[in-house]
Protein backbone atom coordinates (compact mmCIF):
# COMPACT_ATOMS: atom_id res chain seq x y z
CA UNK A 1 -11.82 -33.25 21.23
CA UNK A 2 -10.98 -30.17 19.10
CA UNK A 3 -7.58 -30.35 17.43
CA UNK A 4 -5.09 -27.70 16.47
CA UNK A 5 -3.60 -26.59 13.18
CA UNK A 6 -1.05 -29.41 13.31
CA UNK A 7 -3.62 -31.99 14.48
CA UNK A 8 -2.54 -31.63 18.10
CA UNK A 9 -5.13 -32.06 20.88
CA UNK A 10 -6.04 -28.78 22.52
CA UNK A 11 -6.33 -30.36 25.98
CA UNK A 12 -9.27 -29.49 28.21
CA UNK A 13 -12.78 -29.05 26.71
CA UNK A 14 -13.72 -25.56 25.66
CA UNK A 15 -15.26 -23.41 28.37
CA UNK A 16 -18.97 -22.71 28.22
CA UNK A 17 -19.90 -20.13 25.59
CA UNK A 18 -16.31 -19.98 24.27
CA UNK A 19 -15.64 -20.60 20.60
CA UNK A 20 -12.51 -21.70 18.77
CA UNK A 21 -13.18 -21.66 15.07
CA UNK A 22 -11.76 -20.55 11.72
CA UNK A 23 -12.30 -16.82 11.43
CA UNK A 24 -15.25 -16.86 9.07
CA UNK A 25 -18.09 -15.67 11.31
CA UNK A 26 -20.90 -14.26 9.17
CA UNK A 27 -19.48 -15.36 5.81
CA UNK A 28 -16.22 -14.70 3.94
CA UNK A 29 -13.88 -12.14 5.46
CA UNK A 30 -11.97 -9.64 3.35
CA UNK A 31 -8.17 -9.75 3.33
CA UNK A 32 -6.96 -6.15 3.01
CA UNK A 33 -3.37 -5.16 2.31
CA UNK A 34 -2.20 -2.21 4.43
CA UNK A 35 -1.62 1.10 2.66
CA UNK A 36 2.06 2.03 3.00
CA UNK A 37 4.00 5.14 2.10
CA UNK A 38 6.64 4.57 -0.63
CA UNK A 39 10.31 4.98 0.24
CA UNK A 40 11.93 8.37 -0.22
CA UNK A 41 15.39 6.86 -0.77
CA UNK A 42 17.09 7.99 -3.98
CA UNK A 43 18.51 4.61 -4.97
CA UNK A 44 17.17 1.80 -2.78
CA UNK A 45 18.33 -1.76 -3.31
CA UNK A 46 15.65 -3.27 -5.57
CA UNK A 47 13.88 -6.42 -4.38
CA UNK A 48 11.54 -7.76 -7.05
CA UNK A 49 8.88 -9.74 -5.24
CA UNK A 50 7.13 -12.13 -7.62
CA UNK A 51 3.52 -13.28 -7.16
CA UNK A 52 3.22 -15.83 -4.37
CA UNK A 53 2.17 -19.32 -5.46
CA UNK A 54 -0.36 -21.20 -3.36
CA UNK A 55 1.08 -24.53 -2.30
CA UNK A 56 -1.25 -25.65 0.48
CA UNK A 57 -4.82 -25.40 1.70
CA UNK A 58 -5.88 -22.07 3.19
CA UNK A 59 -7.75 -22.42 6.49
CA UNK A 60 -10.68 -20.04 6.68
CA UNK A 61 -13.19 -18.49 4.29
CA UNK A 62 -11.99 -15.33 2.55
CA UNK A 63 -13.34 -13.19 -0.26
CA UNK A 64 -11.38 -12.98 -3.55
CA UNK A 65 -8.61 -12.35 -4.49
CA UNK A 66 -7.42 -14.59 -1.67
CA UNK A 67 -4.48 -14.93 0.67
CA UNK A 68 -1.64 -15.37 -1.83
CA UNK A 69 -2.59 -12.31 -3.89
CA UNK A 70 -3.10 -10.06 -0.88
CA UNK A 71 0.14 -11.18 0.75
CA UNK A 72 1.96 -10.50 -2.52
CA UNK A 73 0.61 -6.95 -2.78
CA UNK A 74 1.22 -6.19 0.89
CA UNK A 75 4.77 -7.54 1.03
CA UNK A 76 5.77 -5.87 -2.24
CA UNK A 77 4.43 -2.57 -0.93
CA UNK A 78 6.29 -3.02 2.35
CA UNK A 79 9.57 -3.73 0.57
CA UNK A 80 9.11 -0.58 -1.54
CA UNK A 81 8.57 1.42 1.63
CA UNK A 82 11.66 0.27 3.53
CA UNK A 83 14.48 2.27 1.85
CA UNK A 84 16.52 -0.93 1.50
CA UNK A 85 20.27 -0.50 1.26
CA UNK A 86 23.27 -2.79 0.73
CA UNK A 87 23.53 -6.29 -0.60
CA UNK A 88 24.19 -7.31 -4.19
CA UNK A 89 24.51 -4.72 -6.99
CA UNK A 90 21.32 -4.89 -9.02
CA UNK A 91 19.32 -6.27 -6.11
CA UNK A 92 17.33 -9.47 -5.78
CA UNK A 93 14.42 -11.39 -7.20
CA UNK A 94 12.33 -13.34 -4.66
CA UNK A 95 9.86 -16.12 -5.35
CA UNK A 96 7.71 -17.63 -2.58
CA UNK A 97 5.13 -20.36 -2.13
CA UNK A 98 2.38 -20.06 0.47
CA UNK A 99 2.79 -23.14 2.64
CA UNK A 100 0.08 -22.14 5.07
CA UNK A 101 -2.38 -19.37 5.82
CA UNK A 102 -4.84 -19.70 8.69
CA UNK A 103 -6.80 -17.53 11.07
CA UNK A 104 -8.33 -18.72 14.31
CA UNK A 105 -10.78 -16.76 16.46
CA UNK A 106 -11.64 -17.20 20.13
CA UNK A 107 -14.71 -15.37 21.38
CA UNK A 108 -16.19 -15.57 24.84
CA UNK A 109 -19.36 -13.90 26.06
CA UNK A 110 -18.31 -14.62 29.63
CA UNK A 111 -15.03 -12.72 29.12
CA UNK A 112 -16.61 -10.11 26.80
CA UNK A 113 -13.72 -10.14 24.36
CA UNK A 114 -12.57 -11.69 21.10
CA UNK A 115 -9.09 -12.71 19.98
CA UNK A 116 -7.84 -13.61 16.52
CA UNK A 117 -4.56 -15.35 15.72
CA UNK A 118 -3.03 -15.45 12.25
CA UNK A 119 -0.52 -18.00 10.91
CA UNK A 120 1.35 -17.52 7.63
CA UNK A 121 4.25 -19.63 6.31
CA UNK A 122 6.16 -18.86 3.11
CA UNK A 123 8.82 -21.03 1.49
CA UNK A 124 11.03 -18.54 -0.37
CA UNK A 125 14.07 -18.41 -2.62
CA UNK A 126 16.03 -15.25 -3.36
CA UNK A 127 18.35 -14.87 -6.34
CA UNK A 128 20.69 -12.16 -7.54
CA UNK A 129 18.88 -10.26 -10.26
CA UNK A 130 22.11 -9.73 -12.18
CA UNK A 131 22.87 -13.40 -12.91
CA UNK A 132 20.10 -15.45 -11.28
CA UNK A 133 22.45 -17.05 -8.74
CA UNK A 134 20.61 -18.23 -5.59
CA UNK A 135 21.60 -16.39 -2.41
CA UNK A 136 19.03 -17.58 0.16
CA UNK A 137 16.39 -20.24 0.53
CA UNK A 138 14.24 -20.80 3.60
CA UNK A 139 10.96 -20.42 5.47
CA UNK A 140 9.40 -17.17 6.62
CA UNK A 141 6.86 -17.53 9.43
CA UNK A 142 4.46 -14.90 10.73
CA UNK A 143 2.48 -15.31 13.95
CA UNK A 144 0.28 -12.39 14.96
CA UNK A 145 -2.65 -11.81 17.27
CA UNK A 146 -5.22 -9.08 17.79
CA UNK A 147 -7.80 -8.67 20.54
CA UNK A 148 -10.72 -6.40 21.28
CA UNK A 149 -13.48 -6.13 23.90
CA UNK A 150 -16.70 -7.53 22.47
CA UNK A 151 -19.78 -7.92 24.63
CA UNK A 152 -21.47 -9.93 21.87
CA UNK A 153 -18.81 -12.66 22.11
CA UNK A 154 -18.32 -12.69 18.33
CA UNK A 155 -19.61 -10.75 15.33
CA UNK A 156 -18.45 -10.24 11.77
CA UNK A 157 -17.48 -6.56 12.09
CA UNK A 158 -15.24 -7.17 15.12
CA UNK A 159 -13.62 -10.21 13.50
CA UNK A 160 -12.92 -8.17 10.36
CA UNK A 161 -11.21 -5.42 12.37
CA UNK A 162 -9.09 -7.99 14.20
CA UNK A 163 -8.14 -9.59 10.88
CA UNK A 164 -7.15 -6.20 9.40
CA UNK A 165 -4.75 -5.56 12.30
CA UNK A 166 -3.28 -9.05 12.39
CA UNK A 167 -2.80 -9.23 8.61
CA UNK A 168 -1.10 -5.82 8.46
CA UNK A 169 1.37 -6.86 11.16
CA UNK A 170 1.95 -10.28 9.59
CA UNK A 171 2.72 -9.01 6.08
CA UNK A 172 5.00 -6.24 7.31
CA UNK A 173 6.89 -8.64 9.56
CA UNK A 174 7.29 -11.24 6.81
CA UNK A 175 8.76 -8.57 4.54
CA UNK A 176 10.99 -7.35 7.35
CA UNK A 177 12.36 -10.83 8.01
CA UNK A 178 12.99 -11.26 4.30
CA UNK A 179 14.85 -7.97 3.87
CA UNK A 180 16.69 -7.66 7.17
CA UNK A 181 17.31 -11.25 8.22
CA UNK A 182 17.30 -13.33 5.03
CA UNK A 183 18.94 -10.81 2.66
CA UNK A 184 20.97 -8.96 5.29
CA UNK A 185 19.94 -5.51 4.06
CA UNK A 186 19.79 -2.30 6.04
CA UNK A 187 16.24 -0.96 6.14
CA UNK A 188 14.39 2.04 7.44
CA UNK A 189 11.00 1.35 9.07
CA UNK A 190 8.01 1.74 6.77
CA UNK A 191 5.15 4.14 7.42
CA UNK A 192 1.54 3.01 7.16
CA UNK A 193 -1.01 5.47 5.79
CA UNK A 194 -4.53 5.77 7.23
CA UNK A 195 -7.33 7.78 5.69
CA UNK A 196 -8.28 9.28 9.07
CA UNK A 197 -7.81 8.90 12.81
CA UNK A 198 -10.81 6.59 13.09
CA UNK A 199 -9.28 4.09 10.66
CA UNK A 200 -5.97 4.31 12.51
CA UNK A 201 -7.73 3.62 15.81
CA UNK A 202 -9.74 0.66 14.53
CA UNK A 203 -7.22 -0.91 12.12
CA UNK A 204 -3.82 -0.08 13.58
CA UNK A 205 -1.79 -3.10 14.69
CA UNK A 206 1.19 -3.52 16.99
CA UNK A 207 3.52 -2.30 14.25
CA UNK A 208 1.54 0.95 14.05
CA UNK A 209 2.26 1.87 17.68
CA UNK A 210 5.19 4.14 18.65
CA UNK A 211 7.23 0.94 19.06
CA UNK A 212 6.45 -0.37 15.59
CA UNK A 213 9.51 1.23 13.99
CA UNK A 214 11.86 -0.56 16.39
CA UNK A 215 10.12 -3.89 15.79
CA UNK A 216 10.34 -3.59 12.00
CA UNK A 217 13.96 -2.48 11.96
CA UNK A 218 15.02 -5.56 13.96
CA UNK A 219 18.19 -3.61 14.66
CA UNK A 220 19.20 -5.36 17.86
CA UNK A 221 19.80 -1.98 19.47
CA UNK A 222 18.78 -0.46 22.78
CA UNK A 223 15.67 -2.17 24.15
CA UNK A 224 15.33 0.04 27.23
CA UNK A 225 12.16 1.83 26.11
CA UNK A 226 10.51 -1.35 24.83
CA UNK A 227 11.30 -3.29 28.00
CA UNK A 228 9.94 -0.41 30.07
CA UNK A 229 6.71 -0.57 28.05
CA UNK A 230 6.27 -4.23 28.98
CA UNK A 231 5.30 -2.98 32.47
CA UNK A 232 2.88 -0.31 31.24
CA UNK A 233 -0.69 -0.41 32.66
CA UNK A 234 -2.12 -0.46 29.11
CA UNK A 235 -2.18 -3.99 27.58
CA UNK A 236 -1.68 -2.72 24.01
CA UNK A 237 1.54 -0.94 24.98
CA UNK A 238 2.77 -4.00 26.88
CA UNK A 239 2.10 -6.11 23.79
CA UNK A 240 3.88 -3.58 21.55
CA UNK A 241 6.92 -3.64 23.82
CA UNK A 242 7.08 -7.42 23.79
CA UNK A 243 6.67 -7.38 20.01
CA UNK A 244 9.91 -5.40 19.71
CA UNK A 245 11.62 -8.13 21.73
CA UNK A 246 10.02 -10.82 19.57
CA UNK A 247 11.20 -9.26 16.31
CA UNK A 248 14.77 -8.76 17.55
CA UNK A 249 15.49 -12.26 18.84
CA UNK A 250 16.35 -15.53 17.10
CA UNK A 251 18.32 -18.69 17.91
CA UNK A 252 21.42 -16.65 16.98
CA UNK A 253 20.61 -13.58 19.12
CA UNK A 254 20.49 -12.87 22.83
CA UNK A 255 17.42 -12.76 25.06
CA UNK A 256 16.65 -9.58 27.02
CA UNK A 257 13.55 -10.88 28.80
CA UNK A 258 15.16 -12.39 31.90
CA UNK A 259 15.60 -16.01 32.89
CA UNK A 260 12.14 -16.41 34.45
CA UNK A 261 9.60 -14.76 32.20
CA UNK A 262 6.50 -13.64 34.10
CA UNK A 263 3.53 -14.35 31.85
CA UNK A 264 1.05 -11.51 31.48
CA UNK A 265 -2.56 -11.78 32.63
CA UNK A 266 -3.82 -10.31 29.36
CA UNK A 267 -4.11 -13.04 26.68
CA UNK A 268 -3.06 -10.74 23.81
CA UNK A 269 0.11 -9.74 25.64
CA UNK A 270 0.76 -13.37 26.57
CA UNK A 271 0.53 -14.36 22.90
CA UNK A 272 3.34 -11.93 22.04
CA UNK A 273 5.44 -13.23 24.93
CA UNK A 274 5.02 -16.75 23.56
CA UNK A 275 5.87 -15.41 20.08
CA UNK A 276 9.11 -13.94 21.44
CA UNK A 277 10.12 -17.28 22.96
CA UNK A 278 9.13 -19.08 19.74
CA UNK A 279 11.29 -16.76 17.63
CA UNK A 280 14.17 -17.19 20.07
CA UNK A 281 13.77 -20.95 19.59
CA UNK A 282 16.60 -22.05 21.91
CA UNK A 283 16.35 -25.11 24.14
CA UNK A 284 15.65 -23.00 27.28
CA UNK A 285 13.00 -21.05 25.35
CA UNK A 286 11.27 -24.27 24.28
CA UNK A 287 11.30 -25.43 27.92
CA UNK A 288 9.48 -22.23 28.89
CA UNK A 289 6.98 -22.74 26.06
CA UNK A 290 6.27 -26.30 27.22
CA UNK A 291 5.71 -25.03 30.74
CA UNK A 292 3.35 -22.41 29.36
CA UNK A 293 1.46 -25.04 27.39
CA UNK A 294 0.94 -27.08 30.56
CA UNK A 295 -0.61 -24.10 32.35
CA UNK A 296 -2.36 -22.25 29.53
CA UNK A 297 -6.16 -22.56 29.66
CA UNK A 298 -7.16 -20.37 26.72
CA UNK A 299 -7.78 -22.62 23.68
CA UNK A 300 -6.41 -20.18 21.09
CA UNK A 301 -3.15 -19.74 22.98
CA UNK A 302 -2.87 -23.42 23.79
CA UNK A 303 -3.22 -24.21 20.10
CA UNK A 304 -0.55 -21.64 19.25
CA UNK A 305 1.83 -23.20 21.78
CA UNK A 306 1.23 -26.67 20.36
CA UNK A 307 1.97 -25.34 16.90
CA UNK A 308 5.28 -23.64 17.72
CA UNK A 309 6.43 -26.59 19.82
CA UNK A 310 5.72 -28.94 16.92
CA UNK A 311 8.01 -26.86 14.69
CA UNK A 312 10.61 -26.41 17.48
CA UNK A 313 10.34 -22.65 17.27
CA UNK A 314 9.95 -20.18 14.41
CA UNK A 315 13.15 -18.14 14.63
CA UNK A 316 15.19 -16.95 11.65
CA UNK A 317 18.86 -16.07 12.07
CA UNK A 318 20.20 -12.90 10.51
CA UNK A 319 22.25 -13.40 7.34
CA UNK A 320 25.63 -11.67 7.38
CA UNK A 321 26.82 -10.30 4.04
């Protein structure tokens, strides 16, 4: 029986013509850091992000320079683009180790679509730049998913596009958790730059939608617009709305999604709903995730649920300074 990223059984056998495999269809995939606009702030709080060390095996086949280098470039660029304010005079120096990086793809010719999930875990330590005193140590976890219709079931070009979207969201959200939650800084949302509308259409992730700014700010403000979007007829907008909820909750924050969460029919939207419950990480949220795992029949999502249940959630409380 296939087993998940934590060695957990996936449950029922895979459906006919469905694949659950590391995202390396057609040879090594390219990990591409998103292009972000630099901050226009006059004197932002500096966060020196040192090169990420690789501390564990990377699941999947990727072209050089590899996951740690690309994550380093992407997160450093994101931090420069956030107009960070507050915190310690002189700013911070952050060093991280890549505990895990994995991509998993599910393609089905019967459903004519492909999904890709991305997992990234960083063990990080932040110090005051002025005197080297440690101010935060902990784990940053990114869980992102991208989906696209694909009548071929799976092909390298589609998988690459899905990876581009998922990686862009993952790196920006890791940097956001570091700046806003771990370091307790105020931050403006970053702006991603695309060379043309076609690249924006094919490579834009959830954090590139109109709701991306709210998700990246993690401000805990008014969720009216995002919650309204969770009922939109378009799956991508529903997913973007739920992603705002996911990025704003933690074990220390409230839950705006209602006591009985109605799971979406679209698997990409459902992934983000599970992500929101996983970031919330409370006992009631874990109960809902276990119930979802009992009913979920899509292997990629079932594996994701097994993973977050094994870690008892992935939430990160906001540091108050």
